[in-house]
N, C-alpha and C. Protein backbone atom coordinates (compact mmCIF):
# COMPACT_ATOMS: atom_id res chain seq x y z
N GLU A 1 -24.76 -8.14 13.30
CA GLU A 1 -24.53 -9.48 12.79
C GLU A 1 -25.66 -9.91 11.87
N GLU A 2 -26.89 -9.49 12.17
CA GLU A 2 -28.02 -9.85 11.32
C GLU A 2 -27.90 -9.19 9.94
N MET A 3 -27.31 -8.00 9.87
CA MET A 3 -27.11 -7.34 8.58
C MET A 3 -26.08 -8.11 7.75
N GLY A 4 -25.15 -8.80 8.40
CA GLY A 4 -24.16 -9.59 7.69
C GLY A 4 -24.76 -10.70 6.86
N VAL A 5 -25.93 -11.19 7.26
CA VAL A 5 -26.62 -12.21 6.49
C VAL A 5 -27.03 -11.65 5.13
N VAL A 6 -27.41 -10.37 5.11
CA VAL A 6 -27.82 -9.72 3.86
C VAL A 6 -26.60 -9.33 3.04
N PHE A 7 -25.64 -8.67 3.67
CA PHE A 7 -24.50 -8.12 2.93
C PHE A 7 -23.39 -9.15 2.69
N LYS A 8 -23.22 -10.12 3.61
CA LYS A 8 -22.17 -11.14 3.52
C LYS A 8 -20.80 -10.51 3.35
N ASN A 9 -20.56 -9.41 4.03
CA ASN A 9 -19.30 -8.69 4.01
C ASN A 9 -19.13 -7.98 5.34
N PRO A 10 -17.91 -7.55 5.67
CA PRO A 10 -17.70 -6.80 6.91
C PRO A 10 -18.48 -5.49 6.90
N ILE A 11 -19.10 -5.17 8.03
CA ILE A 11 -19.90 -3.95 8.17
C ILE A 11 -19.44 -3.21 9.41
N ALA A 12 -19.34 -1.88 9.29
CA ALA A 12 -18.98 -1.05 10.45
C ALA A 12 -19.98 0.10 10.56
N LEU A 13 -20.44 0.35 11.77
CA LEU A 13 -21.29 1.50 12.09
C LEU A 13 -20.48 2.39 13.01
N THR A 14 -20.26 3.63 12.58
CA THR A 14 -19.50 4.58 13.40
C THR A 14 -20.35 5.80 13.69
N ASP A 15 -19.97 6.53 14.74
CA ASP A 15 -20.69 7.77 15.03
C ASP A 15 -20.15 8.88 14.15
N ALA A 16 -20.60 10.11 14.37
CA ALA A 16 -20.20 11.24 13.53
C ALA A 16 -18.71 11.56 13.64
N ASN A 17 -18.05 11.04 14.67
CA ASN A 17 -16.63 11.29 14.88
C ASN A 17 -15.78 10.08 14.52
N HIS A 18 -16.36 9.13 13.80
CA HIS A 18 -15.69 7.93 13.32
C HIS A 18 -15.30 6.96 14.43
N ALA A 19 -15.97 7.04 15.58
CA ALA A 19 -15.78 6.05 16.64
C ALA A 19 -16.69 4.86 16.35
N VAL A 20 -16.15 3.66 16.47
CA VAL A 20 -16.91 2.45 16.15
C VAL A 20 -18.00 2.22 17.20
N LEU A 21 -19.23 2.09 16.72
CA LEU A 21 -20.36 1.74 17.58
C LEU A 21 -20.64 0.25 17.47
N ALA A 22 -20.42 -0.30 16.27
CA ALA A 22 -20.62 -1.73 16.04
C ALA A 22 -19.88 -2.12 14.77
N CYS A 23 -19.36 -3.34 14.76
CA CYS A 23 -18.77 -3.87 13.54
C CYS A 23 -18.89 -5.38 13.55
N SER A 24 -18.79 -5.97 12.39
CA SER A 24 -18.99 -7.41 12.23
C SER A 24 -18.02 -8.20 13.10
N ALA A 25 -18.56 -9.00 13.98
CA ALA A 25 -17.73 -9.85 14.85
C ALA A 25 -17.18 -11.04 14.09
N ALA A 26 -17.84 -11.39 12.99
CA ALA A 26 -17.42 -12.56 12.22
C ALA A 26 -16.07 -12.35 11.52
N TYR A 27 -15.63 -11.11 11.42
CA TYR A 27 -14.36 -10.79 10.77
C TYR A 27 -13.38 -10.31 11.82
N GLY A 28 -12.32 -11.09 12.03
CA GLY A 28 -11.30 -10.73 13.01
C GLY A 28 -10.52 -9.50 12.59
N ALA A 29 -9.70 -8.99 13.49
CA ALA A 29 -8.95 -7.75 13.26
C ALA A 29 -8.07 -7.83 12.02
N GLU A 30 -7.49 -8.99 11.75
CA GLU A 30 -6.56 -9.10 10.62
C GLU A 30 -7.20 -9.75 9.40
N ALA A 31 -8.52 -9.91 9.40
CA ALA A 31 -9.20 -10.65 8.33
C ALA A 31 -9.51 -9.81 7.09
N VAL A 32 -9.38 -8.48 7.16
CA VAL A 32 -9.83 -7.67 6.04
C VAL A 32 -8.70 -6.84 5.44
N ASP A 33 -8.32 -5.75 6.09
CA ASP A 33 -7.27 -4.87 5.58
C ASP A 33 -6.72 -4.03 6.73
N PRO A 34 -5.72 -3.17 6.49
CA PRO A 34 -5.14 -2.38 7.58
C PRO A 34 -6.14 -1.45 8.28
N GLU A 35 -7.11 -0.92 7.54
CA GLU A 35 -8.10 -0.04 8.17
C GLU A 35 -9.01 -0.83 9.11
N TRP A 36 -9.41 -2.03 8.71
CA TRP A 36 -10.24 -2.89 9.57
C TRP A 36 -9.46 -3.24 10.84
N LEU A 37 -8.16 -3.52 10.70
CA LEU A 37 -7.31 -3.80 11.85
C LEU A 37 -7.31 -2.61 12.81
N HIS A 38 -7.21 -1.40 12.26
CA HIS A 38 -7.22 -0.18 13.08
C HIS A 38 -8.57 -0.03 13.79
N LEU A 39 -9.66 -0.24 13.05
CA LEU A 39 -11.00 -0.15 13.65
C LEU A 39 -11.15 -1.12 14.81
N LYS A 40 -10.77 -2.35 14.59
CA LYS A 40 -10.92 -3.39 15.61
C LYS A 40 -9.99 -3.17 16.81
N THR A 41 -8.79 -2.64 16.54
CA THR A 41 -7.80 -2.46 17.61
C THR A 41 -8.08 -1.23 18.47
N TYR A 42 -8.38 -0.09 17.81
CA TYR A 42 -8.49 1.17 18.54
C TYR A 42 -9.91 1.68 18.72
N GLY A 43 -10.88 1.12 17.98
CA GLY A 43 -12.26 1.56 18.13
C GLY A 43 -12.58 2.84 17.38
N TYR A 44 -11.68 3.27 16.51
CA TYR A 44 -11.87 4.48 15.69
C TYR A 44 -11.33 4.21 14.29
N SER A 45 -11.84 4.95 13.30
CA SER A 45 -11.20 4.95 11.99
C SER A 45 -9.83 5.61 12.16
N SER A 46 -8.89 5.22 11.31
CA SER A 46 -7.59 5.88 11.34
C SER A 46 -7.78 7.33 10.92
N PHE A 47 -6.85 8.21 11.32
CA PHE A 47 -6.98 9.62 10.95
C PHE A 47 -6.95 9.78 9.43
N THR A 48 -6.12 9.00 8.76
CA THR A 48 -6.04 9.09 7.30
C THR A 48 -7.37 8.70 6.68
N SER A 49 -7.94 7.61 7.13
CA SER A 49 -9.22 7.15 6.59
C SER A 49 -10.33 8.16 6.90
N ALA A 50 -10.38 8.65 8.13
CA ALA A 50 -11.42 9.62 8.50
C ALA A 50 -11.32 10.87 7.63
N LYS A 51 -10.09 11.30 7.35
CA LYS A 51 -9.90 12.49 6.51
C LYS A 51 -10.39 12.21 5.09
N GLU A 52 -10.01 11.06 4.52
CA GLU A 52 -10.45 10.71 3.17
C GLU A 52 -11.97 10.61 3.10
N ILE A 53 -12.57 9.99 4.10
CA ILE A 53 -14.02 9.83 4.13
C ILE A 53 -14.68 11.20 4.20
N SER A 54 -14.19 12.07 5.09
CA SER A 54 -14.77 13.41 5.24
C SER A 54 -14.65 14.22 3.96
N GLU A 55 -13.48 14.16 3.31
CA GLU A 55 -13.29 14.91 2.07
C GLU A 55 -14.19 14.38 0.96
N ALA A 56 -14.33 13.07 0.87
CA ALA A 56 -15.19 12.47 -0.16
C ALA A 56 -16.64 12.83 0.07
N ARG A 57 -17.04 13.01 1.32
CA ARG A 57 -18.43 13.29 1.65
C ARG A 57 -18.82 14.74 1.39
N LEU A 58 -17.86 15.61 1.19
CA LEU A 58 -18.21 17.03 1.01
C LEU A 58 -19.23 17.22 -0.09
N SER A 59 -19.05 16.54 -1.22
CA SER A 59 -19.98 16.73 -2.33
C SER A 59 -21.28 15.95 -2.13
N TYR A 60 -21.29 14.99 -1.21
CA TYR A 60 -22.49 14.19 -0.99
C TYR A 60 -23.13 14.49 0.35
N HIS A 61 -22.61 15.45 1.06
CA HIS A 61 -22.91 15.63 2.48
C HIS A 61 -24.40 15.66 2.81
N MET A 62 -25.19 16.38 2.05
CA MET A 62 -26.58 16.58 2.46
C MET A 62 -27.60 15.75 1.69
N ASP A 63 -27.14 14.86 0.78
CA ASP A 63 -28.15 14.17 0.00
C ASP A 63 -28.27 12.68 0.31
N GLY A 64 -27.51 12.18 1.27
CA GLY A 64 -27.66 10.79 1.71
C GLY A 64 -27.32 9.74 0.68
N LYS A 65 -26.44 10.06 -0.27
CA LYS A 65 -26.05 9.08 -1.29
C LYS A 65 -24.99 8.14 -0.74
N VAL A 66 -24.95 6.95 -1.33
CA VAL A 66 -23.91 5.98 -1.02
C VAL A 66 -22.65 6.39 -1.78
N ILE A 67 -21.53 6.39 -1.09
CA ILE A 67 -20.25 6.72 -1.71
C ILE A 67 -19.45 5.45 -1.86
N ARG A 68 -18.89 5.23 -3.04
CA ARG A 68 -18.03 4.07 -3.27
C ARG A 68 -16.58 4.53 -3.15
N PHE A 69 -15.83 3.86 -2.29
CA PHE A 69 -14.41 4.12 -2.14
C PHE A 69 -13.64 3.02 -2.86
N ARG A 70 -12.82 3.44 -3.83
CA ARG A 70 -11.98 2.48 -4.56
C ARG A 70 -10.53 2.84 -4.29
N PHE A 71 -9.76 1.82 -3.98
CA PHE A 71 -8.35 2.04 -3.65
C PHE A 71 -7.49 1.42 -4.74
N PRO A 72 -6.30 2.00 -4.97
CA PRO A 72 -5.42 1.45 -6.01
C PRO A 72 -5.04 0.00 -5.71
N GLU A 73 -4.92 -0.78 -6.77
CA GLU A 73 -4.50 -2.17 -6.59
C GLU A 73 -3.12 -2.20 -5.94
N GLY A 74 -2.96 -3.10 -5.02
CA GLY A 74 -1.69 -3.22 -4.32
C GLY A 74 -1.59 -2.36 -3.07
N SER A 75 -2.62 -1.55 -2.80
CA SER A 75 -2.59 -0.67 -1.62
C SER A 75 -2.87 -1.45 -0.34
N GLY A 76 -3.44 -2.64 -0.48
CA GLY A 76 -3.80 -3.43 0.69
C GLY A 76 -5.14 -3.02 1.29
N MET A 77 -5.79 -2.00 0.73
CA MET A 77 -7.07 -1.52 1.23
C MET A 77 -8.21 -2.12 0.40
N SER A 78 -9.30 -2.43 1.07
CA SER A 78 -10.46 -3.01 0.41
C SER A 78 -11.43 -1.92 -0.03
N ASP A 79 -11.98 -2.09 -1.22
CA ASP A 79 -13.02 -1.17 -1.67
C ASP A 79 -14.20 -1.27 -0.72
N SER A 80 -14.98 -0.19 -0.62
CA SER A 80 -16.12 -0.20 0.29
C SER A 80 -17.20 0.76 -0.19
N LEU A 81 -18.37 0.59 0.39
CA LEU A 81 -19.49 1.50 0.20
C LEU A 81 -19.79 2.13 1.55
N SER A 82 -20.10 3.42 1.56
CA SER A 82 -20.38 4.10 2.82
C SER A 82 -21.52 5.10 2.60
N ILE A 83 -22.31 5.28 3.65
CA ILE A 83 -23.41 6.25 3.60
C ILE A 83 -23.47 6.99 4.93
N SER A 84 -23.75 8.29 4.85
CA SER A 84 -23.90 9.10 6.06
C SER A 84 -25.30 8.90 6.63
N LEU A 85 -25.40 8.88 7.96
CA LEU A 85 -26.68 8.80 8.64
C LEU A 85 -26.98 10.19 9.18
N PHE A 86 -28.15 10.71 8.84
CA PHE A 86 -28.52 12.07 9.23
C PHE A 86 -29.73 12.06 10.14
N GLN A 87 -29.73 12.97 11.10
CA GLN A 87 -30.92 13.31 11.86
C GLN A 87 -31.18 14.77 11.54
N GLY A 88 -32.20 15.03 10.76
CA GLY A 88 -32.40 16.37 10.24
C GLY A 88 -31.27 16.64 9.25
N GLU A 89 -30.53 17.72 9.45
CA GLU A 89 -29.42 18.03 8.56
C GLU A 89 -28.07 17.79 9.22
N MET A 90 -28.05 17.15 10.37
CA MET A 90 -26.81 16.92 11.10
C MET A 90 -26.38 15.46 10.96
N PRO A 91 -25.14 15.21 10.51
CA PRO A 91 -24.68 13.82 10.43
C PRO A 91 -24.52 13.23 11.84
N VAL A 92 -25.04 12.03 12.04
CA VAL A 92 -24.94 11.37 13.34
C VAL A 92 -24.12 10.09 13.26
N GLY A 93 -23.76 9.66 12.05
CA GLY A 93 -22.96 8.46 11.93
C GLY A 93 -22.73 8.07 10.49
N TYR A 94 -22.00 6.95 10.34
CA TYR A 94 -21.67 6.43 9.02
C TYR A 94 -21.82 4.92 9.03
N LEU A 95 -22.40 4.39 7.98
CA LEU A 95 -22.54 2.95 7.81
C LEU A 95 -21.67 2.55 6.62
N THR A 96 -20.76 1.60 6.84
CA THR A 96 -19.82 1.20 5.79
C THR A 96 -19.86 -0.30 5.61
N VAL A 97 -19.95 -0.73 4.34
CA VAL A 97 -19.87 -2.14 3.98
C VAL A 97 -18.60 -2.30 3.16
N VAL A 98 -17.73 -3.20 3.59
CA VAL A 98 -16.43 -3.40 2.94
C VAL A 98 -16.55 -4.45 1.84
N GLU A 99 -15.89 -4.18 0.69
CA GLU A 99 -15.80 -5.11 -0.44
C GLU A 99 -17.16 -5.57 -0.96
N LYS A 100 -18.01 -4.63 -1.31
CA LYS A 100 -19.32 -5.02 -1.85
C LYS A 100 -19.59 -4.22 -3.12
N ASP A 101 -20.20 -4.86 -4.12
CA ASP A 101 -20.48 -4.19 -5.39
C ASP A 101 -21.88 -3.59 -5.46
N GLY A 102 -22.79 -4.05 -4.62
CA GLY A 102 -24.17 -3.59 -4.75
C GLY A 102 -24.77 -3.21 -3.44
N HIS A 103 -26.06 -3.36 -3.33
CA HIS A 103 -26.83 -3.11 -2.12
C HIS A 103 -26.92 -1.64 -1.73
N MET A 104 -26.76 -0.73 -2.68
CA MET A 104 -26.83 0.69 -2.36
C MET A 104 -28.21 1.09 -1.86
N GLN A 105 -29.27 0.59 -2.48
CA GLN A 105 -30.61 0.96 -2.05
C GLN A 105 -30.88 0.47 -0.64
N LEU A 106 -30.41 -0.73 -0.32
CA LEU A 106 -30.58 -1.26 1.02
C LEU A 106 -29.83 -0.41 2.05
N MET A 107 -28.63 0.08 1.69
CA MET A 107 -27.87 0.94 2.60
C MET A 107 -28.61 2.24 2.87
N VAL A 108 -29.25 2.82 1.84
CA VAL A 108 -30.01 4.05 2.02
C VAL A 108 -31.15 3.82 3.01
N MET A 109 -31.87 2.70 2.86
CA MET A 109 -32.97 2.39 3.77
C MET A 109 -32.47 2.18 5.19
N LEU A 110 -31.35 1.46 5.35
CA LEU A 110 -30.79 1.22 6.68
C LEU A 110 -30.34 2.52 7.33
N ALA A 111 -29.72 3.41 6.55
CA ALA A 111 -29.26 4.68 7.10
C ALA A 111 -30.44 5.50 7.62
N LYS A 112 -31.53 5.53 6.87
CA LYS A 112 -32.71 6.28 7.31
C LYS A 112 -33.32 5.68 8.57
N ALA A 113 -33.27 4.36 8.68
CA ALA A 113 -33.84 3.70 9.86
C ALA A 113 -32.95 3.86 11.09
N LEU A 114 -31.64 3.86 10.90
CA LEU A 114 -30.70 3.92 12.02
C LEU A 114 -30.49 5.33 12.57
N ALA A 115 -30.57 6.35 11.72
CA ALA A 115 -30.22 7.71 12.13
C ALA A 115 -31.02 8.23 13.33
N PRO A 116 -32.36 8.12 13.34
CA PRO A 116 -33.09 8.65 14.51
C PRO A 116 -32.74 7.93 15.81
N VAL A 117 -32.55 6.62 15.73
CA VAL A 117 -32.23 5.85 16.93
C VAL A 117 -30.82 6.21 17.41
N LEU A 118 -29.87 6.30 16.47
CA LEU A 118 -28.50 6.63 16.82
C LEU A 118 -28.42 8.02 17.44
N SER A 119 -29.14 8.97 16.88
CA SER A 119 -29.15 10.33 17.42
C SER A 119 -29.70 10.35 18.83
N TRP A 120 -30.79 9.66 19.06
CA TRP A 120 -31.43 9.63 20.38
C TRP A 120 -30.54 8.93 21.39
N GLU A 121 -29.95 7.78 21.01
CA GLU A 121 -29.13 6.99 21.93
C GLU A 121 -27.86 7.72 22.34
N GLN A 122 -27.30 8.54 21.45
CA GLN A 122 -25.98 9.11 21.70
C GLN A 122 -26.03 10.52 22.31
N LYS A 123 -27.21 11.06 22.59
CA LYS A 123 -27.32 12.43 23.10
C LYS A 123 -26.49 12.64 24.37
N SER A 124 -26.40 11.63 25.23
CA SER A 124 -25.72 11.81 26.51
C SER A 124 -24.22 11.58 26.42
N SER A 125 -23.73 11.06 25.30
CA SER A 125 -22.31 10.74 25.18
C SER A 125 -21.59 11.83 24.41
N GLU A 126 -20.50 12.36 25.00
CA GLU A 126 -19.75 13.42 24.33
C GLU A 126 -19.21 12.96 22.99
N LEU A 127 -18.60 11.77 22.93
CA LEU A 127 -18.01 11.30 21.69
C LEU A 127 -19.04 10.73 20.74
N GLY A 128 -20.23 10.35 21.23
CA GLY A 128 -21.24 9.78 20.37
C GLY A 128 -22.01 10.82 19.59
N ASN A 129 -21.93 12.05 20.01
CA ASN A 129 -22.66 13.13 19.37
C ASN A 129 -21.70 13.88 18.45
N SER A 130 -22.19 14.43 17.35
CA SER A 130 -21.34 15.21 16.47
C SER A 130 -20.74 16.38 17.26
N MET A 131 -19.41 16.49 17.23
CA MET A 131 -18.76 17.55 18.01
C MET A 131 -19.11 18.93 17.46
N LEU A 132 -19.27 19.01 16.15
CA LEU A 132 -19.67 20.28 15.56
C LEU A 132 -21.06 20.68 16.09
N GLN A 133 -21.97 19.72 16.18
CA GLN A 133 -23.29 20.01 16.71
C GLN A 133 -23.19 20.48 18.16
N ARG A 134 -22.32 19.84 18.95
CA ARG A 134 -22.15 20.24 20.35
C ARG A 134 -21.68 21.70 20.43
N PHE A 135 -20.73 22.08 19.55
CA PHE A 135 -20.25 23.46 19.53
C PHE A 135 -21.39 24.43 19.20
N LEU A 136 -22.17 24.07 18.17
CA LEU A 136 -23.26 24.94 17.74
C LEU A 136 -24.34 25.09 18.81
N GLU A 137 -24.51 24.06 19.62
CA GLU A 137 -25.51 24.10 20.69
C GLU A 137 -24.94 24.68 21.97
N GLY A 138 -23.69 25.17 21.93
CA GLY A 138 -23.09 25.79 23.10
C GLY A 138 -22.55 24.80 24.12
N GLY A 139 -22.40 23.54 23.71
CA GLY A 139 -21.87 22.52 24.62
C GLY A 139 -20.37 22.62 24.78
N SER A 140 -19.83 21.87 25.71
CA SER A 140 -18.39 21.86 25.93
C SER A 140 -17.85 20.46 25.64
N LEU A 141 -16.52 20.39 25.47
CA LEU A 141 -15.85 19.12 25.21
C LEU A 141 -14.73 18.94 26.21
N SER A 142 -14.43 17.70 26.49
CA SER A 142 -13.25 17.41 27.31
C SER A 142 -12.02 17.69 26.45
N ASP A 143 -10.86 17.81 27.08
CA ASP A 143 -9.63 18.02 26.34
C ASP A 143 -9.39 16.88 25.35
N GLU A 144 -9.67 15.65 25.79
CA GLU A 144 -9.47 14.49 24.92
C GLU A 144 -10.40 14.55 23.71
N GLY A 145 -11.66 14.88 23.92
CA GLY A 145 -12.62 14.98 22.83
C GLY A 145 -12.25 16.07 21.84
N ALA A 146 -11.82 17.22 22.35
CA ALA A 146 -11.42 18.33 21.47
C ALA A 146 -10.17 17.96 20.68
N GLN A 147 -9.22 17.31 21.32
CA GLN A 147 -7.98 16.93 20.64
C GLN A 147 -8.29 15.92 19.53
N HIS A 148 -9.16 14.98 19.80
CA HIS A 148 -9.54 13.99 18.79
C HIS A 148 -10.21 14.68 17.59
N PHE A 149 -11.11 15.61 17.87
CA PHE A 149 -11.82 16.36 16.82
C PHE A 149 -10.81 17.09 15.92
N LEU A 150 -9.83 17.75 16.52
CA LEU A 150 -8.83 18.51 15.75
C LEU A 150 -7.93 17.57 14.94
N GLU A 151 -7.46 16.49 15.56
CA GLU A 151 -6.53 15.58 14.89
C GLU A 151 -7.17 14.91 13.69
N GLN A 152 -8.46 14.57 13.79
CA GLN A 152 -9.14 13.93 12.66
C GLN A 152 -9.14 14.83 11.44
N ARG A 153 -9.18 16.11 11.65
CA ARG A 153 -9.26 17.05 10.53
C ARG A 153 -7.91 17.63 10.15
N GLY A 154 -6.85 17.25 10.87
CA GLY A 154 -5.53 17.78 10.58
C GLY A 154 -5.37 19.21 11.05
N TRP A 155 -6.12 19.62 12.06
CA TRP A 155 -6.07 20.98 12.59
C TRP A 155 -5.28 21.01 13.89
N THR A 156 -4.88 22.19 14.29
CA THR A 156 -4.23 22.38 15.59
C THR A 156 -4.98 23.45 16.36
N GLU A 157 -4.65 23.59 17.64
CA GLU A 157 -5.30 24.62 18.46
C GLU A 157 -4.95 26.03 18.00
N LYS A 158 -3.85 26.16 17.27
CA LYS A 158 -3.41 27.48 16.79
C LYS A 158 -4.14 27.92 15.52
N ASP A 159 -4.85 27.00 14.85
CA ASP A 159 -5.58 27.35 13.63
C ASP A 159 -6.75 28.27 13.96
N SER A 160 -7.11 29.12 13.00
CA SER A 160 -8.28 29.98 13.15
C SER A 160 -9.49 29.27 12.54
N PHE A 161 -10.65 29.48 13.16
CA PHE A 161 -11.87 28.82 12.70
C PHE A 161 -12.98 29.85 12.54
N ARG A 162 -13.86 29.58 11.59
CA ARG A 162 -15.07 30.38 11.43
C ARG A 162 -16.22 29.43 11.19
N VAL A 163 -17.34 29.73 11.78
CA VAL A 163 -18.54 28.94 11.56
C VAL A 163 -19.61 29.88 11.03
N TYR A 164 -20.17 29.53 9.90
CA TYR A 164 -21.25 30.30 9.31
C TYR A 164 -22.54 29.51 9.47
N ILE A 165 -23.55 30.13 10.01
CA ILE A 165 -24.84 29.47 10.17
C ILE A 165 -25.84 30.17 9.26
N LEU A 166 -26.40 29.41 8.34
CA LEU A 166 -27.39 29.95 7.40
C LEU A 166 -28.76 29.45 7.81
N ASP A 167 -29.68 30.37 7.99
CA ASP A 167 -31.04 30.01 8.32
C ASP A 167 -31.93 30.41 7.16
N LEU A 168 -32.23 29.44 6.31
CA LEU A 168 -33.00 29.73 5.11
C LEU A 168 -34.51 29.71 5.36
N ASP A 169 -34.89 29.35 6.59
CA ASP A 169 -36.31 29.35 6.93
C ASP A 169 -36.79 30.73 7.38
N GLY A 170 -35.88 31.61 7.77
CA GLY A 170 -36.23 32.93 8.26
C GLY A 170 -36.68 33.85 7.14
N SER A 171 -37.18 34.99 7.49
CA SER A 171 -37.68 35.92 6.47
C SER A 171 -36.58 36.79 5.88
N GLU A 172 -35.41 36.84 6.54
CA GLU A 172 -34.31 37.67 6.04
C GLU A 172 -33.25 36.81 5.38
């Protein structure tokens, strides 16, 4: 709510799996757009929105840039700015400001300040931690957590997966 004084727009903080950790209480479920209604009602980004956000982030994934989402006029969706929060090279969350034209530098500073705290706070929560990170660390997921992870990406249990780990710090 204190960030709302600066941004004067709806703000949402989600974890790496698009689960809402915090969002502006000053904006009711129906006060913004269909995606805000979904966030407020279910506590997660919609699968469509999560997919669009993930695809848009591919080119920005490791550099911490603010991404501007613009939607066609008449779509009922509000333009927004979003930035990934990283702890090291692993995404731990996303900060999104709805319907704002500026404040990109402030979002970068907030993302850097929030990422270490968010990473530390969410270590014990299955859904609060990046599921990909849990897999890489040899962790397990509940059936519900695994199903959510697959559905967000449009995958099924029958799909084949490969994970490549590059260690550029090693001598080989």
